[in-house]
Amino acid sequence: MPNNSRMRDNAGKEKEKPIGIFDSGIGGLTVLHAIGQLLPKEELVYLGDTARVPYGTKSAETVIRYSMENSRFLLSKGVKAIVVACNSASATSILELRKRFPDIPFIGVIEAGVEEAMQVTKSGNVGVIGTSATIESGRYKKLLLEKGAKSVVGSACPLFVPLAEEGWIDNSIAEDTAKIYLKPFGGGVVDTLILGCTHYPLLQKTIAKVCGDRVSLVNSAEAVAKKLKNLLESENLLNEKGNGRRKYFVTDSPIRAEKVGSRFLGENIAPSLELAELD
């Protein structure tokens, strides 16, 4: 007969395992923040591959290799699920990661953002903003059309990233930049806009101001958090007794990561920040 007590103990230990999150840099901290808000008792382990950022300029083969190394690092920390908080890695690596590590669930920001957008849109006309690499990959457009979107308009907004990292998110410079970048979405072209970069939620208020009330914004970070919660509930892995502890790792420049990351999260991350060495 099975040892029910041991089975309960094992189930409890699985629930207590942390959630892993990785990004090419520190933009994925917006994803960590959204997850922490929705799942405050879950332990979170974040890895920012700051030594090799950006991924968007690398080949698909290289991004897949980096994603494998990041995943192995997080698995060494005993995580129960991994969130790919990098749009470039989500576009190129998510399927390979699932094949290589079939025993661990992977959730990508692109899939979550697409699913949320298709629930929000009424006209089926969806816009996407992201880095040049993300837009050029066509991953968002492909998935949106597969899910039933009537049209997809994409636009790269590369200056949004340095604006977010400098903290220039709601001044005249940010607004003027947004007005230029968001021109393709005016005049009722779309009714839903996906923020397809992990930095962009920091500029959400400015983007919403420029777009107006007729365009609904989809924050991929929040979409990932919802998808993760649903997954953990379905797999009976939701931690309802944890303390919400967080651990941060970067592969280079911990001083800059501490400065920008603390700005992103509104709290000092220095005590929980370490330099990571990847295999």
C-alpha atoms as a PDB file:
ATOM      1  CA  MET A   1       0.000   0.000   0.000  1.00  0.00           C
ATOM      2  CA  PRO A   2       1.249   3.541  -0.717  1.00  0.00           C
ATOM      3  CA  ASN A   3       2.591   5.595   2.146  1.00  0.00           C
ATOM      4  CA  ASN A   4       0.061   8.454   2.123  1.00  0.00           C
ATOM      5  CA  SER A   5       2.044  10.462   4.666  1.00  0.00           C
ATOM      6  CA  ARG A   6       5.172  10.332   2.481  1.00  0.00           C
ATOM      7  CA  MET A   7       3.120  11.266  -0.585  1.00  0.00           C
ATOM      8  CA  ARG A   8       1.735  14.320   1.235  1.00  0.00           C
ATOM      9  CA  ASP A   9       5.236  15.298   2.359  1.00  0.00           C
ATOM     10  CA  ASN A  10       6.556  15.057  -1.207  1.00  0.00           C
ATOM     11  CA  ALA A  11       3.625  17.083  -2.532  1.00  0.00           C
ATOM     12  CA  GLY A  12       4.321  19.732   0.076  1.00  0.00           C
ATOM     13  CA  LYS A  13       7.996  19.894  -0.853  1.00  0.00           C
ATOM     14  CA  GLU A  14       7.137  20.317  -4.527  1.00  0.00           C
ATOM     15  CA  LYS A  15       4.868  23.245  -3.714  1.00  0.00           C
ATOM     16  CA  GLU A  16       7.599  24.896  -1.659  1.00  0.00           C
ATOM     17  CA  LYS A  17      10.078  24.904  -4.545  1.00  0.00           C
ATOM     18  CA  PRO A  18      10.816  28.316  -6.073  1.00  0.00           C
ATOM     19  CA  ILE A  19       9.811  29.618  -9.486  1.00  0.00           C
ATOM     20  CA  GLY A  20      12.640  30.417 -11.881  1.00  0.00           C
ATOM     21  CA  ILE A  21      12.610  33.449 -14.174  1.00  0.00           C
ATOM     22  CA  PHE A  22      15.254  34.382 -16.727  1.00  0.00           C
ATOM     23  CA  ASP A  23      15.837  37.246 -19.110  1.00  0.00           C
ATOM     24  CA  SER A  24      18.730  38.461 -21.233  1.00  0.00           C
ATOM     25  CA  GLY A  25      19.048  41.408 -18.862  1.00  0.00           C
ATOM     26  CA  ILE A  26      17.098  43.118 -16.132  1.00  0.00           C
ATOM     27  CA  GLY A  27      13.919  44.024 -18.034  1.00  0.00           C
ATOM     28  CA  GLY A  28      12.403  40.735 -16.906  1.00  0.00           C
ATOM     29  CA  LEU A  29      12.163  42.168 -13.405  1.00  0.00           C
ATOM     30  CA  THR A  30       8.832  43.626 -14.533  1.00  0.00           C
ATOM     31  CA  VAL A  31       7.710  40.012 -14.975  1.00  0.00           C
ATOM     32  CA  LEU A  32       9.040  39.087 -11.540  1.00  0.00           C
ATOM     33  CA  HIS A  33       7.169  42.061 -10.069  1.00  0.00           C
ATOM     34  CA  ALA A  34       3.883  41.013 -11.701  1.00  0.00           C
ATOM     35  CA  ILE A  35       4.321  37.426 -10.477  1.00  0.00           C
ATOM     36  CA  GLY A  36       5.141  38.648  -6.983  1.00  0.00           C
ATOM     37  CA  GLN A  37       2.021  40.800  -6.933  1.00  0.00           C
ATOM     38  CA  LEU A  38      -0.264  37.957  -8.008  1.00  0.00           C
ATOM     39  CA  LEU A  39       1.521  35.148  -6.131  1.00  0.00           C
ATOM     40  CA  PRO A  40       2.994  36.840  -3.035  1.00  0.00           C
ATOM     41  CA  LYS A  41       3.807  33.612  -1.199  1.00  0.00           C
ATOM     42  CA  GLU A  42       5.874  32.049  -4.001  1.00  0.00           C
ATOM     43  CA  GLU A  43       9.673  32.034  -3.778  1.00  0.00           C
ATOM     44  CA  LEU A  44      11.213  33.572  -6.896  1.00  0.00           C
ATOM     45  CA  VAL A  45      14.694  33.103  -8.375  1.00  0.00           C
ATOM     46  CA  TYR A  46      15.673  35.567 -11.097  1.00  0.00           C
ATOM     47  CA  LEU A  47      18.563  35.251 -13.541  1.00  0.00           C
ATOM     48  CA  GLY A  48      19.552  38.178 -15.741  1.00  0.00           C
ATOM     49  CA  ASP A  49      22.178  37.277 -18.330  1.00  0.00           C
ATOM     50  CA  THR A  50      23.679  40.761 -18.274  1.00  0.00           C
ATOM     51  CA  ALA A  51      27.044  39.555 -19.617  1.00  0.00           C
ATOM     52  CA  ARG A  52      25.494  38.592 -22.965  1.00  0.00           C
ATOM     53  CA  VAL A  53      22.652  41.080 -23.374  1.00  0.00           C
ATOM     54  CA  PRO A  54      21.077  41.773 -25.848  1.00  0.00           C
ATOM     55  CA  TYR A  55      19.835  38.477 -27.259  1.00  0.00           C
ATOM     56  CA  GLY A  56      18.007  40.198 -30.105  1.00  0.00           C
ATOM     57  CA  THR A  57      21.176  40.637 -32.144  1.00  0.00           C
ATOM     58  CA  LYS A  58      22.265  37.007 -31.795  1.00  0.00           C
ATOM     59  CA  SER A  59      21.479  34.038 -34.044  1.00  0.00           C
ATOM     60  CA  ALA A  60      18.648  31.689 -33.114  1.00  0.00           C
ATOM     61  CA  GLU A  61      21.186  28.924 -32.411  1.00  0.00           C
ATOM     62  CA  THR A  62      23.065  31.142 -29.990  1.00  0.00           C
ATOM     63  CA  VAL A  63      19.936  32.286 -28.174  1.00  0.00           C
ATOM     64  CA  ILE A  64      18.830  28.662 -27.796  1.00  0.00           C
ATOM     65  CA  ARG A  65      22.235  27.771 -26.304  1.00  0.00           C
ATOM     66  CA  TYR A  66      22.073  30.693 -23.889  1.00  0.00           C
ATOM     67  CA  SER A  67      18.518  29.743 -22.912  1.00  0.00           C
ATOM     68  CA  MET A  68      19.608  26.162 -22.210  1.00  0.00           C
ATOM     69  CA  GLU A  69      22.420  27.404 -19.952  1.00  0.00           C
ATOM     70  CA  ASN A  70      20.084  29.775 -18.124  1.00  0.00           C
ATOM     71  CA  SER A  71      17.566  26.979 -17.592  1.00  0.00           C
ATOM     72  CA  ARG A  72      20.207  24.601 -16.249  1.00  0.00           C
ATOM     73  CA  PHE A  73      21.285  27.262 -13.756  1.00  0.00           C
ATOM     74  CA  LEU A  74      17.728  27.750 -12.522  1.00  0.00           C
ATOM     75  CA  LEU A  75      17.153  24.002 -12.357  1.00  0.00           C
ATOM     76  CA  SER A  76      20.243  23.768 -10.127  1.00  0.00           C
ATOM     77  CA  LYS A  77      18.309  26.000  -7.714  1.00  0.00           C
ATOM     78  CA  GLY A  78      15.512  23.434  -7.535  1.00  0.00           C
ATOM     79  CA  VAL A  79      12.791  25.404  -9.329  1.00  0.00           C
ATOM     80  CA  LYS A  80       9.370  23.882 -10.068  1.00  0.00           C
ATOM     81  CA  ALA A  81       8.635  26.020 -13.157  1.00  0.00           C
ATOM     82  CA  ILE A  82      10.558  28.393 -15.420  1.00  0.00           C
ATOM     83  CA  VAL A  83       9.294  31.639 -16.917  1.00  0.00           C
ATOM     84  CA  VAL A  84      11.118  32.789 -20.042  1.00  0.00           C
ATOM     85  CA  ALA A  85      10.830  36.536 -19.488  1.00  0.00           C
ATOM     86  CA  CYS A  86      12.783  37.406 -22.639  1.00  0.00           C
ATOM     87  CA  ASN A  87      10.897  37.990 -25.871  1.00  0.00           C
ATOM     88  CA  SER A  88      13.841  36.913 -28.043  1.00  0.00           C
ATOM     89  CA  ALA A  89      14.279  33.696 -26.067  1.00  0.00           C
ATOM     90  CA  SER A  90      10.526  33.060 -26.086  1.00  0.00           C
ATOM     91  CA  ALA A  91      10.470  33.472 -29.872  1.00  0.00           C
ATOM     92  CA  THR A  92      13.385  31.147 -30.589  1.00  0.00           C
ATOM     93  CA  SER A  93      13.856  28.791 -27.642  1.00  0.00           C
ATOM     94  CA  ILE A  94      10.620  27.900 -25.842  1.00  0.00           C
ATOM     95  CA  LEU A  95       9.872  24.811 -27.935  1.00  0.00           C
ATOM     96  CA  GLU A  96      13.441  23.523 -27.651  1.00  0.00           C
ATOM     97  CA  LEU A  97      13.450  24.080 -23.894  1.00  0.00           C
ATOM     98  CA  ARG A  98      10.292  22.025 -23.517  1.00  0.00           C
ATOM     99  CA  LYS A  99      11.832  19.206 -25.544  1.00  0.00           C
ATOM    100  CA  ARG A 100      15.109  19.254 -23.612  1.00  0.00           C
ATOM    101  CA  PHE A 101      13.531  19.539 -20.168  1.00  0.00           C
ATOM    102  CA  PRO A 102      10.163  17.744 -20.430  1.00  0.00           C
ATOM    103  CA  ASP A 103       9.730  17.386 -16.666  1.00  0.00           C
ATOM    104  CA  ILE A 104       9.581  21.116 -15.977  1.00  0.00           C
ATOM    105  CA  PRO A 105       6.880  23.508 -17.244  1.00  0.00           C
ATOM    106  CA  PHE A 106       8.070  26.517 -19.269  1.00  0.00           C
ATOM    107  CA  ILE A 107       5.976  29.642 -19.802  1.00  0.00           C
ATOM    108  CA  GLY A 108       6.974  32.283 -22.331  1.00  0.00           C
ATOM    109  CA  VAL A 109       5.989  35.944 -22.456  1.00  0.00           C
ATOM    110  CA  ILE A 110       4.960  35.820 -26.115  1.00  0.00           C
ATOM    111  CA  GLU A 111       2.420  33.016 -25.763  1.00  0.00           C
ATOM    112  CA  ALA A 112       0.922  34.591 -22.653  1.00  0.00           C
ATOM    113  CA  GLY A 113       0.665  38.020 -24.289  1.00  0.00           C
ATOM    114  CA  VAL A 114      -1.001  36.596 -27.391  1.00  0.00           C
ATOM    115  CA  GLU A 115      -3.580  34.658 -25.383  1.00  0.00           C
ATOM    116  CA  GLU A 116      -4.432  37.732 -23.304  1.00  0.00           C
ATOM    117  CA  ALA A 117      -4.717  39.948 -26.390  1.00  0.00           C
ATOM    118  CA  MET A 118      -7.142  37.574 -28.085  1.00  0.00           C
ATOM    119  CA  GLN A 119      -9.342  37.649 -25.002  1.00  0.00           C
ATOM    120  CA  VAL A 120      -9.298  41.461 -24.923  1.00  0.00           C
ATOM    121  CA  THR A 121      -9.693  42.421 -28.592  1.00  0.00           C
ATOM    122  CA  LYS A 122     -13.188  43.015 -29.954  1.00  0.00           C
ATOM    123  CA  SER A 123     -12.294  43.829 -33.549  1.00  0.00           C
ATOM    124  CA  GLY A 124      -9.555  41.220 -33.995  1.00  0.00           C
ATOM    125  CA  ASN A 125      -7.133  43.990 -35.030  1.00  0.00           C
ATOM    126  CA  VAL A 126      -4.106  43.751 -32.749  1.00  0.00           C
ATOM    127  CA  GLY A 127      -0.912  45.788 -32.532  1.00  0.00           C
ATOM    128  CA  VAL A 128       2.458  44.749 -31.129  1.00  0.00           C
ATOM    129  CA  ILE A 129       5.369  46.912 -30.030  1.00  0.00           C
ATOM    130  CA  GLY A 130       8.765  45.475 -29.153  1.00  0.00           C
ATOM    131  CA  THR A 131      12.451  45.536 -29.960  1.00  0.00           C
ATOM    132  CA  SER A 132      13.503  45.368 -33.600  1.00  0.00           C
ATOM    133  CA  ALA A 133      14.506  41.717 -33.217  1.00  0.00           C
ATOM    134  CA  THR A 134      11.191  40.728 -31.662  1.00  0.00           C
ATOM    135  CA  ILE A 135       9.122  42.443 -34.354  1.00  0.00           C
ATOM    136  CA  GLU A 136      11.311  41.100 -37.168  1.00  0.00           C
ATOM    137  CA  SER A 137      11.046  37.551 -35.811  1.00  0.00           C
ATOM    138  CA  GLY A 138       7.338  37.571 -36.708  1.00  0.00           C
ATOM    139  CA  ARG A 139       6.570  35.312 -33.758  1.00  0.00           C
ATOM    140  CA  TYR A 140       3.822  37.517 -32.341  1.00  0.00           C
ATOM    141  CA  LYS A 141       2.180  37.944 -35.747  1.00  0.00           C
ATOM    142  CA  LYS A 142       2.286  34.217 -36.482  1.00  0.00           C
ATOM    143  CA  LEU A 143       0.722  33.233 -33.156  1.00  0.00           C
ATOM    144  CA  LEU A 144      -1.899  35.994 -33.274  1.00  0.00           C
ATOM    145  CA  LEU A 145      -3.051  34.979 -36.748  1.00  0.00           C
ATOM    146  CA  GLU A 146      -3.152  31.328 -35.669  1.00  0.00           C
ATOM    147  CA  LYS A 147      -5.387  32.336 -32.742  1.00  0.00           C
ATOM    148  CA  GLY A 148      -7.805  34.142 -35.058  1.00  0.00           C
ATOM    149  CA  ALA A 149      -6.646  37.759 -35.267  1.00  0.00           C
ATOM    150  CA  LYS A 150      -7.916  39.580 -38.381  1.00  0.00           C
ATOM    151  CA  SER A 151      -4.877  41.822 -38.726  1.00  0.00           C
ATOM    152  CA  VAL A 152      -1.609  42.393 -36.894  1.00  0.00           C
ATOM    153  CA  VAL A 153       0.398  45.626 -36.971  1.00  0.00           C
ATOM    154  CA  GLY A 154       3.910  45.566 -35.503  1.00  0.00           C
ATOM    155  CA  SER A 155       6.271  48.435 -34.724  1.00  0.00           C
ATOM    156  CA  ALA A 156       9.742  48.452 -33.186  1.00  0.00           C
ATOM    157  CA  CYS A 157      10.316  50.935 -30.348  1.00  0.00           C
ATOM    158  CA  PRO A 158      14.016  50.519 -29.470  1.00  0.00           C
ATOM    159  CA  LEU A 159      14.393  53.795 -27.530  1.00  0.00           C
ATOM    160  CA  PHE A 160      11.819  52.695 -24.968  1.00  0.00           C
ATOM    161  CA  VAL A 161      14.433  50.401 -23.380  1.00  0.00           C
ATOM    162  CA  PRO A 162      17.045  53.058 -22.495  1.00  0.00           C
ATOM    163  CA  LEU A 163      14.268  55.441 -21.427  1.00  0.00           C
ATOM    164  CA  ALA A 164      12.972  52.812 -18.986  1.00  0.00           C
ATOM    165  CA  GLU A 165      16.434  52.076 -17.619  1.00  0.00           C
ATOM    166  CA  GLU A 166      17.150  55.777 -17.093  1.00  0.00           C
ATOM    167  CA  GLY A 167      13.833  56.205 -15.316  1.00  0.00           C
ATOM    168  CA  TRP A 168      12.554  58.617 -17.989  1.00  0.00           C
ATOM    169  CA  ILE A 169       9.131  57.046 -18.155  1.00  0.00           C
ATOM    170  CA  ASP A 170       6.650  59.889 -17.753  1.00  0.00           C
ATOM    171  CA  ASN A 171       8.394  63.072 -18.897  1.00  0.00           C
ATOM    172  CA  SER A 172       8.086  65.048 -22.130  1.00  0.00           C
ATOM    173  CA  ILE A 173      10.899  63.102 -23.786  1.00  0.00           C
ATOM    174  CA  ALA A 174       9.129  59.796 -23.166  1.00  0.00           C
ATOM    175  CA  GLU A 175       5.823  61.198 -24.414  1.00  0.00           C
ATOM    176  CA  ASP A 176       7.333  62.727 -27.573  1.00  0.00           C
ATOM    177  CA  THR A 177       9.112  59.441 -28.332  1.00  0.00           C
ATOM    178  CA  ALA A 178       5.879  57.507 -27.815  1.00  0.00           C
ATOM    179  CA  LYS A 179       3.979  59.812 -30.159  1.00  0.00           C
ATOM    180  CA  ILE A 180       6.449  59.021 -32.953  1.00  0.00           C
ATOM    181  CA  TYR A 181       6.561  55.264 -32.333  1.00  0.00           C
ATOM    182  CA  LEU A 182       2.810  54.828 -31.891  1.00  0.00           C
ATOM    183  CA  LYS A 183       1.674  56.605 -35.055  1.00  0.00           C
ATOM    184  CA  PRO A 184       1.000  53.267 -36.870  1.00  0.00           C
ATOM    185  CA  PHE A 185      -1.703  52.443 -34.301  1.00  0.00           C
ATOM    186  CA  GLY A 186      -3.751  55.636 -34.563  1.00  0.00           C
ATOM    187  CA  GLY A 187      -7.085  56.175 -36.255  1.00  0.00           C
ATOM    188  CA  GLY A 188      -8.684  52.952 -35.068  1.00  0.00           C
ATOM    189  CA  VAL A 189      -6.202  50.671 -36.842  1.00  0.00           C
ATOM    190  CA  VAL A 190      -6.100  48.429 -33.756  1.00  0.00           C
ATOM    191  CA  ASP A 191      -8.165  48.156 -30.594  1.00  0.00           C
ATOM    192  CA  THR A 192      -5.567  46.187 -28.627  1.00  0.00           C
ATOM    193  CA  LEU A 193      -1.825  46.745 -28.251  1.00  0.00           C
ATOM    194  CA  ILE A 194       0.616  44.207 -26.807  1.00  0.00           C
ATOM    195  CA  LEU A 195       3.588  45.595 -24.881  1.00  0.00           C
ATOM    196  CA  GLY A 196       6.010  43.082 -26.369  1.00  0.00           C
ATOM    197  CA  CYS A 197       9.107  43.923 -24.350  1.00  0.00           C
ATOM    198  CA  THR A 198       9.668  43.450 -20.637  1.00  0.00           C
ATOM    199  CA  HIS A 199      10.828  47.071 -20.259  1.00  0.00           C
ATOM    200  CA  TYR A 200       7.680  48.558 -21.731  1.00  0.00           C
ATOM    201  CA  PRO A 201       5.327  48.124 -18.744  1.00  0.00           C
ATOM    202  CA  LEU A 202       7.347  50.851 -17.027  1.00  0.00           C
ATOM    203  CA  LEU A 203       6.154  53.216 -19.761  1.00  0.00           C
ATOM    204  CA  GLN A 204       2.575  51.942 -19.712  1.00  0.00           C
ATOM    205  CA  LYS A 205       1.024  55.174 -18.428  1.00  0.00           C
ATOM    206  CA  THR A 206       2.734  57.229 -21.128  1.00  0.00           C
ATOM    207  CA  ILE A 207       1.834  54.713 -23.843  1.00  0.00           C
ATOM    208  CA  ALA A 208      -1.798  54.668 -22.662  1.00  0.00           C
ATOM    209  CA  LYS A 209      -1.922  58.476 -22.695  1.00  0.00           C
ATOM    210  CA  VAL A 210      -0.685  58.607 -26.291  1.00  0.00           C
ATOM    211  CA  CYS A 211      -2.878  55.738 -27.531  1.00  0.00           C
ATOM    212  CA  GLY A 212      -6.056  56.972 -25.883  1.00  0.00           C
ATOM    213  CA  ASP A 213      -9.031  55.142 -24.403  1.00  0.00           C
ATOM    214  CA  ARG A 214      -9.928  53.305 -27.621  1.00  0.00           C
ATOM    215  CA  VAL A 215      -6.845  51.085 -27.438  1.00  0.00           C
ATOM    216  CA  SER A 216      -6.539  48.445 -24.697  1.00  0.00           C
ATOM    217  CA  LEU A 217      -3.007  47.675 -23.570  1.00  0.00           C
ATOM    218  CA  VAL A 218      -1.867  44.128 -22.869  1.00  0.00           C
ATOM    219  CA  ASN A 219       0.951  43.945 -20.343  1.00  0.00           C
ATOM    220  CA  SER A 220       2.770  40.693 -21.133  1.00  0.00           C
ATOM    221  CA  ALA A 221       4.219  40.610 -17.621  1.00  0.00           C
ATOM    222  CA  GLU A 222       0.751  40.511 -16.076  1.00  0.00           C
ATOM    223  CA  ALA A 223      -0.394  37.984 -18.677  1.00  0.00           C
ATOM    224  CA  VAL A 224       2.498  35.679 -17.758  1.00  0.00           C
ATOM    225  CA  ALA A 225       1.662  35.952 -14.071  1.00  0.00           C
ATOM    226  CA  LYS A 226      -1.963  34.915 -14.734  1.00  0.00           C
ATOM    227  CA  LYS A 227      -0.878  32.017 -16.929  1.00  0.00           C
ATOM    228  CA  LEU A 228       1.607  30.871 -14.296  1.00  0.00           C
ATOM    229  CA  LYS A 229      -1.014  30.971 -11.552  1.00  0.00           C
ATOM    230  CA  ASN A 230      -3.413  28.890 -13.639  1.00  0.00           C
ATOM    231  CA  LEU A 231      -0.645  26.370 -14.338  1.00  0.00           C
ATOM    232  CA  LEU A 232       0.362  26.021 -10.695  1.00  0.00           C
ATOM    233  CA  GLU A 233      -3.263  25.590  -9.642  1.00  0.00           C
ATOM    234  CA  SER A 234      -3.910  22.929 -12.274  1.00  0.00           C
ATOM    235  CA  GLU A 235      -0.762  21.028 -11.277  1.00  0.00           C
ATOM    236  CA  ASN A 236      -1.454  21.410  -7.533  1.00  0.00           C
ATOM    237  CA  LEU A 237       1.853  23.270  -7.129  1.00  0.00           C
ATOM    238  CA  LEU A 238       0.601  26.563  -5.702  1.00  0.00           C
ATOM    239  CA  ASN A 239       2.519  27.571  -2.584  1.00  0.00           C
ATOM    240  CA  GLU A 240       0.037  29.003  -0.099  1.00  0.00           C
ATOM    241  CA  LYS A 241       2.335  28.948   2.934  1.00  0.00           C
ATOM    242  CA  GLY A 242       5.561  30.471   1.590  1.00  0.00           C
ATOM    243  CA  ASN A 243       7.251  33.714   2.596  1.00  0.00           C
ATOM    244  CA  GLY A 244       7.711  35.187  -0.876  1.00  0.00           C
ATOM    245  CA  ARG A 245      11.489  35.248  -0.631  1.00  0.00           C
ATOM    246  CA  ARG A 246      13.338  36.492  -3.721  1.00  0.00           C
ATOM    247  CA  LYS A 247      16.833  35.819  -5.005  1.00  0.00           C
ATOM    248  CA  TYR A 248      18.481  37.696  -7.870  1.00  0.00           C
ATOM    249  CA  PHE A 249      21.408  36.588 -10.022  1.00  0.00           C
ATOM    250  CA  VAL A 250      23.186  38.382 -12.864  1.00  0.00           C
ATOM    251  CA  THR A 251      26.105  37.234 -15.009  1.00  0.00           C
ATOM    252  CA  ASP A 252      27.861  40.636 -15.112  1.00  0.00           C
ATOM    253  CA  SER A 253      27.713  44.213 -13.781  1.00  0.00           C
ATOM    254  CA  PRO A 254      25.959  43.585 -10.458  1.00  0.00           C
ATOM    255  CA  ILE A 255      26.367  47.254  -9.469  1.00  0.00           C
ATOM    256  CA  ARG A 256      24.393  48.467 -12.489  1.00  0.00           C
ATOM    257  CA  ALA A 257      21.856  45.662 -12.026  1.00  0.00           C
ATOM    258  CA  GLU A 258      21.398  46.735  -8.419  1.00  0.00           C
ATOM    259  CA  LYS A 259      20.820  50.362  -9.413  1.00  0.00           C
ATOM    260  CA  VAL A 260      18.424  49.772 -12.303  1.00  0.00           C
ATOM    261  CA  GLY A 261      16.742  46.747 -10.738  1.00  0.00           C
ATOM    262  CA  SER A 262      16.019  48.633  -7.541  1.00  0.00           C
ATOM    263  CA  ARG A 263      14.427  51.393  -9.660  1.00  0.00           C
ATOM    264  CA  PHE A 264      12.293  48.854 -11.508  1.00  0.00           C
ATOM    265  CA  LEU A 265      11.012  47.210  -8.340  1.00  0.00           C
ATOM    266  CA  GLY A 266      10.936  50.213  -6.029  1.00  0.00           C
ATOM    267  CA  GLU A 267      13.033  48.418  -3.427  1.00  0.00           C
ATOM    268  CA  ASN A 268      16.696  47.724  -2.720  1.00  0.00           C
ATOM    269  CA  ILE A 269      17.658  44.354  -4.211  1.00  0.00           C
ATOM    270  CA  ALA A 270      21.337  44.510  -3.193  1.00  0.00           C
ATOM    271  CA  PRO A 271      21.083  42.119  -0.195  1.00  0.00           C
ATOM    272  CA  SER A 272      19.594  39.400  -2.424  1.00  0.00           C
ATOM    273  CA  LEU A 273      21.759  39.970  -5.522  1.00  0.00           C
ATOM    274  CA  GLU A 274      24.628  37.667  -6.515  1.00  0.00           C
ATOM    275  CA  LEU A 275      26.921  37.142  -9.475  1.00  0.00           C
ATOM    276  CA  ALA A 276      26.170  33.864 -11.269  1.00  0.00           C
ATOM    277  CA  GLU A 277      28.536  31.659 -13.236  1.00  0.00           C
ATOM    278  CA  LEU A 278      26.895  29.619 -15.985  1.00  0.00           C
ATOM    279  CA  ASP A 279      28.182  26.299 -17.287  1.00  0.00           C
END
